[in-house]
Protein backbone atom coordinates (compact mmCIF):
# COMPACT_ATOMS: atom_id res chain seq x y z
CA MET A 1 -35.12 -13.49 51.85
CA SER A 2 -32.65 -11.05 53.29
CA GLY A 3 -29.76 -12.89 51.58
CA GLU A 4 -31.47 -12.57 48.24
CA HIS A 5 -32.28 -8.94 48.97
CA SER A 6 -28.66 -8.05 49.81
CA LYS A 7 -27.50 -9.88 46.68
CA LEU A 8 -29.84 -7.76 44.53
CA LEU A 9 -28.67 -4.57 46.27
CA ALA A 10 -25.02 -5.40 45.56
CA GLU A 11 -25.82 -6.17 41.92
CA ASN A 12 -27.77 -2.92 41.63
CA ARG A 13 -24.86 -0.91 43.08
CA GLN A 14 -22.41 -2.58 40.66
CA LEU A 15 -24.61 -1.72 37.68
CA GLN A 16 -24.93 1.90 38.87
CA LEU A 17 -21.13 2.19 39.05
CA GLN A 18 -20.82 0.83 35.51
CA VAL A 19 -23.36 3.40 34.25
CA GLU A 20 -21.47 6.25 35.96
CA GLU A 21 -18.19 5.05 34.48
CA LEU A 22 -19.64 4.87 30.98
CA GLN A 23 -21.20 8.33 31.28
CA SER A 24 -17.87 9.85 32.30
CA LYS A 25 -16.21 8.33 29.20
CA LYS A 26 -18.63 9.94 26.76
CA LYS A 27 -17.12 12.54 24.47
CA LYS A 28 -18.12 16.05 25.28
CA LYS A 29 -18.80 18.49 22.48
CA VAL A 30 -16.66 21.55 22.51
CA ALA A 31 -18.30 24.85 21.67
CA LEU A 32 -16.78 26.38 18.55
CA ASP A 33 -15.58 29.92 18.70
CA PRO A 34 -16.75 31.74 15.53
CA ASN A 35 -13.51 33.70 15.40
CA ALA A 36 -11.49 30.49 15.43
CA VAL A 37 -13.33 29.27 12.34
CA PHE A 38 -12.13 32.29 10.37
CA ALA A 39 -8.60 31.81 11.65
CA ASN A 40 -8.71 28.22 10.42
CA VAL A 41 -9.40 29.44 6.89
CA GLU A 42 -6.03 31.21 6.94
CA VAL A 43 -4.36 28.09 8.25
CA ILE A 44 -5.97 26.05 5.49
CA LYS A 45 -4.75 28.49 2.85
CA ARG A 46 -1.22 28.33 4.22
CA SER A 47 -1.28 24.54 4.26
CA LEU A 48 -2.53 24.48 0.66
CA GLU A 49 0.28 26.81 -0.36
CA LYS A 50 2.83 24.61 1.40
CA ALA A 51 1.40 21.53 -0.32
CA GLU A 52 1.70 23.27 -3.69
CA GLN A 53 5.31 24.22 -2.95
CA ALA A 54 6.07 20.63 -1.95
CA ARG A 55 4.48 19.37 -5.19
CA VAL A 56 6.58 21.79 -7.24
CA ARG A 57 9.75 20.69 -5.42
CA GLU A 58 8.86 17.04 -6.04
CA GLU A 59 8.26 17.64 -9.74
CA THR A 60 11.54 19.54 -10.00
CA GLN A 61 13.35 16.66 -8.33
CA LYS A 62 11.72 14.17 -10.71
CA ALA A 63 12.76 16.31 -13.69
CA LYS A 64 16.36 16.39 -12.45
CA VAL A 65 16.39 12.61 -12.04
CA ALA A 66 14.93 12.14 -15.53
CA GLU A 67 17.59 14.48 -16.96
CA LYS A 68 20.37 12.54 -15.24
CA LYS A 69 18.97 9.28 -16.59
CA SER A 70 18.83 10.63 -20.12
CA ASP A 71 22.42 11.91 -19.79
CA ALA A 72 23.51 8.48 -18.59
CA LYS A 73 21.78 6.79 -21.52
CA ALA A 74 23.45 9.21 -23.92
CA LYS A 75 26.86 8.36 -22.44
CA GLU A 76 26.19 4.61 -22.50
CA PRO A 77 27.56 4.01 -26.05
CA LEU A 78 30.70 5.96 -25.13
CA ALA A 79 31.21 3.79 -22.07
CA GLU A 80 30.75 0.62 -24.13
CA ALA A 81 33.30 1.83 -26.68
CA GLU A 82 35.78 2.63 -23.89
CA THR A 83 35.24 -0.83 -22.43
CA SER A 84 35.89 -2.45 -25.81
CA ARG A 85 39.11 -0.45 -26.31
CA THR A 86 40.36 -1.39 -22.86
CA SER A 87 39.54 -5.03 -23.46
CA LEU A 88 41.41 -5.06 -26.78
CA LEU A 89 44.42 -3.35 -25.17
CA LEU A 90 44.52 -5.93 -22.40
CA GLN A 91 44.27 -8.79 -24.91
CA ARG A 92 47.20 -7.44 -26.94
CA THR A 93 49.57 -7.16 -24.03
CA GLN A 94 51.56 -10.19 -23.03
CA MET A 95 51.21 -11.83 -19.66
CA GLU A 96 54.93 -11.34 -19.05
CA GLU A 97 54.47 -7.57 -19.06
CA TYR A 98 52.41 -7.91 -15.90
CA MET A 99 54.86 -10.22 -14.17
CA PHE A 100 57.96 -9.18 -12.27
CA GLU A 101 60.76 -10.95 -10.47
CA TRP A 102 61.94 -10.34 -7.00
CA GLU A 103 65.62 -9.97 -6.38
CA LEU A 104 66.72 -11.01 -2.99
């Protein structure tokens, strides 16, 4: 019986250690300072203002990109016309004009 008794004591001690370990891992509640709550309101207001400023900057950036795209689309027909003129010019020139001879 003493072997069985010592086995139960060891098991009991192991379980007690596990309980102590789990209790030490529990989250402890922190007491809130009433003054800190009011300070957080100011922080929240500042963060909201910063978020609004960021949104305005983002919208401004999007507007600039949209304006550049519309400018590019407006210039597109001009670019196509320039490409056509260059192509016609290259077709009219003779191959010999682009060739040269080396003199040694």
